[in-house]
C-alpha cells in the first residue's frame, strides 16, 4: 500500500471539500437556523471521507476507469450538497443519491480487490446512510423542524461508531 499517495489524496480531497464548504457558508447559506445541522453533517462527512479515501486509494487499482468515473460523480454530488445547504429538502435528496452512488462504487469493487469483508461493511454503512437521508427527507417534507438536527445527530453518532468504536477503515 502506498501510504504517501493515500495520505496526499485523502488530504487533497478533504481540503477541497472544506474549501467548497467555506465557499457555501459565505455565499449560499442565508438562514443559519435552517442550515446549521446540514453544515454539521457536511463537516462530519469530510472527516469520514478523509479516512475512506486514505484507506481505499491505497488498495483500489489506479487504472480503474469505472472507479475514477464514480469518484468524479461523487465529487459533483459533494459540491451539490454544499450548493444546496440553504435548501434542506434538496440537500437530503442529494445526500441520499450520494450514498446510493457510494454503494455502487464499493459494490463494483467486489471481486476486483481482495477485501470482501471491508467492502461489505462499507456498502452496509452507505446503505444505512442512504436510509437515514431518506428518513430525514420524509420528515422534512412534512415540515418537522427537528429533522435537520436528527440528521446531524445520528450522523455524528454513526461516525463515532464507524471511526472509533467499530472501526470500518481497517484492513483485516
C-alpha atoms as a PDB file:
ATOM      1  CA  UNK A   1       0.000   0.000   0.000  1.00  0.00           C
ATOM      2  CA  UNK A   2       1.368   3.407  -0.966  1.00  0.00           C
ATOM      3  CA  UNK A   3       0.713   5.427   2.198  1.00  0.00           C
ATOM      4  CA  UNK A   4       2.220   8.610   0.854  1.00  0.00           C
ATOM      5  CA  UNK A   5      -0.105   8.598  -2.153  1.00  0.00           C
ATOM      6  CA  UNK A   6      -3.097   7.656   0.035  1.00  0.00           C
ATOM      7  CA  UNK A   7      -2.361  10.395   2.581  1.00  0.00           C
ATOM      8  CA  UNK A   8      -1.926  13.002  -0.142  1.00  0.00           C
ATOM      9  CA  UNK A   9      -5.116  12.013  -1.942  1.00  0.00           C
ATOM     10  CA  UNK A  10      -7.136  11.968   1.298  1.00  0.00           C
ATOM     11  CA  UNK A  11      -5.760  15.337   2.371  1.00  0.00           C
ATOM     12  CA  UNK A  12      -6.396  16.897  -1.041  1.00  0.00           C
ATOM     13  CA  UNK A  13      -9.972  15.575  -1.160  1.00  0.00           C
ATOM     14  CA  UNK A  14     -10.752  16.740   2.372  1.00  0.00           C
ATOM     15  CA  UNK A  15      -9.238  20.180   1.860  1.00  0.00           C
ATOM     16  CA  UNK A  16     -11.099  20.577  -1.432  1.00  0.00           C
ATOM     17  CA  UNK A  17     -14.416  19.768   0.235  1.00  0.00           C
ATOM     18  CA  UNK A  18     -13.555  22.069   3.126  1.00  0.00           C
ATOM     19  CA  UNK A  19     -12.914  24.945   0.691  1.00  0.00           C
ATOM     20  CA  UNK A  20     -16.230  24.202  -1.042  1.00  0.00           C
ATOM     21  CA  UNK A  21     -17.907  24.203   2.380  1.00  0.00           C
ATOM     22  CA  UNK A  22     -16.364  27.552   3.318  1.00  0.00           C
ATOM     23  CA  UNK A  23     -17.468  28.989  -0.025  1.00  0.00           C
ATOM     24  CA  UNK A  24     -21.012  27.701   0.540  1.00  0.00           C
ATOM     25  CA  UNK A  25     -21.212  29.136   4.043  1.00  0.00           C
ATOM     26  CA  UNK A  26     -20.114  32.504   2.665  1.00  0.00           C
ATOM     27  CA  UNK A  27     -22.226  32.689  -0.490  1.00  0.00           C
ATOM     28  CA  UNK A  28     -25.060  30.133  -0.216  1.00  0.00           C
ATOM     29  CA  UNK A  29     -26.179  29.995   3.407  1.00  0.00           C
ATOM     30  CA  UNK A  30     -28.719  32.675   4.229  1.00  0.00           C
ATOM     31  CA  UNK A  31     -30.501  31.164   7.221  1.00  0.00           C
ATOM     32  CA  UNK A  32     -28.132  29.537   9.714  1.00  0.00           C
ATOM     33  CA  UNK A  33     -31.021  28.227  11.788  1.00  0.00           C
ATOM     34  CA  UNK A  34     -32.007  26.155   8.761  1.00  0.00           C
ATOM     35  CA  UNK A  35     -28.501  25.345   7.526  1.00  0.00           C
ATOM     36  CA  UNK A  36     -26.500  24.677  10.696  1.00  0.00           C
ATOM     37  CA  UNK A  37     -27.462  20.983  11.032  1.00  0.00           C
ATOM     38  CA  UNK A  38     -26.637  20.477   7.351  1.00  0.00           C
ATOM     39  CA  UNK A  39     -23.286  22.190   7.841  1.00  0.00           C
ATOM     40  CA  UNK A  40     -22.538  19.916  10.814  1.00  0.00           C
ATOM     41  CA  UNK A  41     -23.408  16.853   8.709  1.00  0.00           C
ATOM     42  CA  UNK A  42     -21.192  18.103   5.867  1.00  0.00           C
ATOM     43  CA  UNK A  43     -18.170  18.674   8.132  1.00  0.00           C
ATOM     44  CA  UNK A  44     -18.585  15.199   9.662  1.00  0.00           C
ATOM     45  CA  UNK A  45     -18.826  13.779   6.136  1.00  0.00           C
ATOM     46  CA  UNK A  46     -15.498  15.463   5.304  1.00  0.00           C
ATOM     47  CA  UNK A  47     -13.866  13.763   8.298  1.00  0.00           C
ATOM     48  CA  UNK A  48     -15.306  10.396   7.265  1.00  0.00           C
ATOM     49  CA  UNK A  49     -14.230  10.968   3.671  1.00  0.00           C
ATOM     50  CA  UNK A  50     -10.641  11.580   4.755  1.00  0.00           C
ATOM     51  CA  UNK A  51     -10.391   8.137   6.345  1.00  0.00           C
ATOM     52  CA  UNK A  52     -12.265   6.471   3.494  1.00  0.00           C
ATOM     53  CA  UNK A  53     -10.110   7.993   0.753  1.00  0.00           C
ATOM     54  CA  UNK A  54      -6.942   7.305   2.750  1.00  0.00           C
ATOM     55  CA  UNK A  55      -7.735   3.606   3.005  1.00  0.00           C
ATOM     56  CA  UNK A  56      -9.347   2.905  -0.348  1.00  0.00           C
ATOM     57  CA  UNK A  57      -6.980   4.950  -2.517  1.00  0.00           C
ATOM     58  CA  UNK A  58      -4.207   2.656  -1.323  1.00  0.00           C
ATOM     59  CA  UNK A  59      -5.996  -0.563  -2.339  1.00  0.00           C
ATOM     60  CA  UNK A  60      -8.077   0.328  -5.424  1.00  0.00           C
ATOM     61  CA  UNK A  61      -6.162  -0.159  -8.692  1.00  0.00           C
ATOM     62  CA  UNK A  62      -5.165   3.231 -10.108  1.00  0.00           C
ATOM     63  CA  UNK A  63      -6.139   2.406 -13.702  1.00  0.00           C
ATOM     64  CA  UNK A  64      -9.784   1.644 -12.956  1.00  0.00           C
ATOM     65  CA  UNK A  65     -11.788   3.943 -15.258  1.00  0.00           C
ATOM     66  CA  UNK A  66     -15.114   2.959 -13.693  1.00  0.00           C
ATOM     67  CA  UNK A  67     -13.894   3.872 -10.199  1.00  0.00           C
ATOM     68  CA  UNK A  68     -12.447   7.172 -11.445  1.00  0.00           C
ATOM     69  CA  UNK A  69     -15.771   7.969 -13.126  1.00  0.00           C
ATOM     70  CA  UNK A  70     -17.759   7.176  -9.988  1.00  0.00           C
ATOM     71  CA  UNK A  71     -15.333   9.264  -7.908  1.00  0.00           C
ATOM     72  CA  UNK A  72     -15.920  12.191 -10.272  1.00  0.00           C
ATOM     73  CA  UNK A  73     -19.694  11.821  -9.864  1.00  0.00           C
ATOM     74  CA  UNK A  74     -19.311  11.636  -6.071  1.00  0.00           C
ATOM     75  CA  UNK A  75     -17.255  14.845  -6.108  1.00  0.00           C
ATOM     76  CA  UNK A  76     -20.031  16.544  -8.097  1.00  0.00           C
ATOM     77  CA  UNK A  77     -22.592  15.380  -5.542  1.00  0.00           C
ATOM     78  CA  UNK A  78     -20.354  16.647  -2.735  1.00  0.00           C
ATOM     79  CA  UNK A  79     -20.345  20.069  -4.397  1.00  0.00           C
ATOM     80  CA  UNK A  80     -24.119  19.845  -4.965  1.00  0.00           C
ATOM     81  CA  UNK A  81     -24.621  19.182  -1.254  1.00  0.00           C
ATOM     82  CA  UNK A  82     -22.702  22.342  -0.446  1.00  0.00           C
ATOM     83  CA  UNK A  83     -24.633  24.339  -3.016  1.00  0.00           C
ATOM     84  CA  UNK A  84     -27.947  23.120  -1.575  1.00  0.00           C
ATOM     85  CA  UNK A  85     -27.080  23.859   2.040  1.00  0.00           C
ATOM     86  CA  UNK A  86     -29.801  26.511   2.195  1.00  0.00           C
ATOM     87  CA  UNK A  87     -32.488  24.072   0.994  1.00  0.00           C
ATOM     88  CA  UNK A  88     -32.810  21.066   3.339  1.00  0.00           C
ATOM     89  CA  UNK A  89     -35.164  19.083   1.083  1.00  0.00           C
ATOM     90  CA  UNK A  90     -32.784  19.338  -1.878  1.00  0.00           C
ATOM     91  CA  UNK A  91     -29.805  18.674   0.410  1.00  0.00           C
ATOM     92  CA  UNK A  92     -31.372  15.424   1.707  1.00  0.00           C
ATOM     93  CA  UNK A  93     -32.189  14.279  -1.833  1.00  0.00           C
ATOM     94  CA  UNK A  94     -28.622  14.957  -2.986  1.00  0.00           C
ATOM     95  CA  UNK A  95     -27.182  13.246   0.118  1.00  0.00           C
ATOM     96  CA  UNK A  96     -29.446  10.206  -0.434  1.00  0.00           C
ATOM     97  CA  UNK A  97     -28.269   9.802  -4.018  1.00  0.00           C
ATOM     98  CA  UNK A  98     -24.663  10.409  -2.905  1.00  0.00           C
ATOM     99  CA  UNK A  99     -24.835   7.418  -0.551  1.00  0.00           C
ATOM    100  CA  UNK A 100     -26.512   5.243  -3.195  1.00  0.00           C
ATOM    101  CA  UNK A 101     -23.746   6.053  -5.688  1.00  0.00           C
ATOM    102  CA  UNK A 102     -21.170   5.299  -2.982  1.00  0.00           C
ATOM    103  CA  UNK A 103     -22.826   1.878  -2.519  1.00  0.00           C
ATOM    104  CA  UNK A 104     -22.426   1.265  -6.246  1.00  0.00           C
ATOM    105  CA  UNK A 105     -18.758   2.278  -6.083  1.00  0.00           C
ATOM    106  CA  UNK A 106     -17.941  -0.362  -3.483  1.00  0.00           C
ATOM    107  CA  UNK A 107     -20.251  -2.992  -4.985  1.00  0.00           C
ATOM    108  CA  UNK A 108     -18.338  -2.741  -8.269  1.00  0.00           C
ATOM    109  CA  UNK A 109     -15.114  -3.384  -6.333  1.00  0.00           C
ATOM    110  CA  UNK A 110     -16.296  -6.795  -5.100  1.00  0.00           C
ATOM    111  CA  UNK A 111     -14.159  -9.339  -6.932  1.00  0.00           C
ATOM    112  CA  UNK A 112     -11.652  -6.666  -8.003  1.00  0.00           C
ATOM    113  CA  UNK A 113      -9.892  -6.107  -4.685  1.00  0.00           C
ATOM    114  CA  UNK A 114      -9.243  -8.781  -2.070  1.00  0.00           C
ATOM    115  CA  UNK A 115     -11.130  -7.242   0.845  1.00  0.00           C
ATOM    116  CA  UNK A 116     -14.712  -8.564   0.626  1.00  0.00           C
ATOM    117  CA  UNK A 117     -15.429  -8.112   4.356  1.00  0.00           C
ATOM    118  CA  UNK A 118     -14.274  -4.476   4.242  1.00  0.00           C
ATOM    119  CA  UNK A 119     -16.293  -3.813   1.087  1.00  0.00           C
ATOM    120  CA  UNK A 120     -19.435  -5.392   2.515  1.00  0.00           C
ATOM    121  CA  UNK A 121     -19.093  -3.310   5.708  1.00  0.00           C
ATOM    122  CA  UNK A 122     -18.641  -0.154   3.618  1.00  0.00           C
ATOM    123  CA  UNK A 123     -21.636  -0.997   1.421  1.00  0.00           C
ATOM    124  CA  UNK A 124     -23.760  -1.656   4.512  1.00  0.00           C
ATOM    125  CA  UNK A 125     -22.721   1.642   6.120  1.00  0.00           C
ATOM    126  CA  UNK A 126     -23.509   3.537   2.912  1.00  0.00           C
ATOM    127  CA  UNK A 127     -26.901   1.832   2.671  1.00  0.00           C
ATOM    128  CA  UNK A 128     -27.614   2.939   6.234  1.00  0.00           C
ATOM    129  CA  UNK A 129     -26.517   6.462   5.290  1.00  0.00           C
ATOM    130  CA  UNK A 130     -28.915   6.479   2.362  1.00  0.00           C
ATOM    131  CA  UNK A 131     -31.738   5.119   4.521  1.00  0.00           C
ATOM    132  CA  UNK A 132     -31.066   7.807   7.125  1.00  0.00           C
ATOM    133  CA  UNK A 133     -31.156  10.504   4.435  1.00  0.00           C
ATOM    134  CA  UNK A 134     -34.442   9.232   3.001  1.00  0.00           C
ATOM    135  CA  UNK A 135     -35.944   9.025   6.500  1.00  0.00           C
ATOM    136  CA  UNK A 136     -34.931  12.580   7.326  1.00  0.00           C
ATOM    137  CA  UNK A 137     -36.136  13.716   3.897  1.00  0.00           C
ATOM    138  CA  UNK A 138     -39.571  12.271   4.611  1.00  0.00           C
ATOM    139  CA  UNK A 139     -39.687  14.099   7.959  1.00  0.00           C
ATOM    140  CA  UNK A 140     -38.585  17.359   6.351  1.00  0.00           C
ATOM    141  CA  UNK A 141     -41.209  17.067   3.604  1.00  0.00           C
ATOM    142  CA  UNK A 142     -43.844  17.023   6.349  1.00  0.00           C
ATOM    143  CA  UNK A 143     -42.253  20.125   7.912  1.00  0.00           C
ATOM    144  CA  UNK A 144     -40.851  18.510  11.019  1.00  0.00           C
ATOM    145  CA  UNK A 145     -38.302  21.122  12.047  1.00  0.00           C
ATOM    146  CA  UNK A 146     -36.262  18.705  14.153  1.00  0.00           C
ATOM    147  CA  UNK A 147     -35.349  16.667  11.044  1.00  0.00           C
ATOM    148  CA  UNK A 148     -32.090  18.513  10.400  1.00  0.00           C
ATOM    149  CA  UNK A 149     -30.920  18.128  13.980  1.00  0.00           C
ATOM    150  CA  UNK A 150     -31.912  14.464  13.977  1.00  0.00           C
ATOM    151  CA  UNK A 151     -29.898  14.057  10.776  1.00  0.00           C
ATOM    152  CA  UNK A 152     -26.785  15.761  12.176  1.00  0.00           C
ATOM    153  CA  UNK A 153     -27.058  13.928  15.490  1.00  0.00           C
ATOM    154  CA  UNK A 154     -27.485  10.469  14.007  1.00  0.00           C
ATOM    155  CA  UNK A 155     -24.632  11.044  11.591  1.00  0.00           C
ATOM    156  CA  UNK A 156     -22.390  12.231  14.446  1.00  0.00           C
ATOM    157  CA  UNK A 157     -23.157   9.098  16.478  1.00  0.00           C
ATOM    158  CA  UNK A 158     -22.780   6.848  13.422  1.00  0.00           C
ATOM    159  CA  UNK A 159     -19.330   8.279  12.755  1.00  0.00           C
ATOM    160  CA  UNK A 160     -18.212   7.738  16.332  1.00  0.00           C
ATOM    161  CA  UNK A 161     -19.199   4.103  15.805  1.00  0.00           C
ATOM    162  CA  UNK A 162     -17.538   3.588  12.387  1.00  0.00           C
ATOM    163  CA  UNK A 163     -14.400   5.605  13.138  1.00  0.00           C
ATOM    164  CA  UNK A 164     -13.666   4.650  16.748  1.00  0.00           C
ATOM    165  CA  UNK A 165     -15.903   2.022  18.368  1.00  0.00           C
ATOM    166  CA  UNK A 166     -16.073  -0.490  15.495  1.00  0.00           C
ATOM    167  CA  UNK A 167     -13.623   0.993  13.016  1.00  0.00           C
ATOM    168  CA  UNK A 168     -14.612   0.323   9.427  1.00  0.00           C
ATOM    169  CA  UNK A 169     -11.469   1.730   7.822  1.00  0.00           C
ATOM    170  CA  UNK A 170      -9.059  -1.076   8.598  1.00  0.00           C
ATOM    171  CA  UNK A 171      -7.759  -3.984   6.602  1.00  0.00           C
ATOM    172  CA  UNK A 172      -8.427  -7.420   8.053  1.00  0.00           C
END
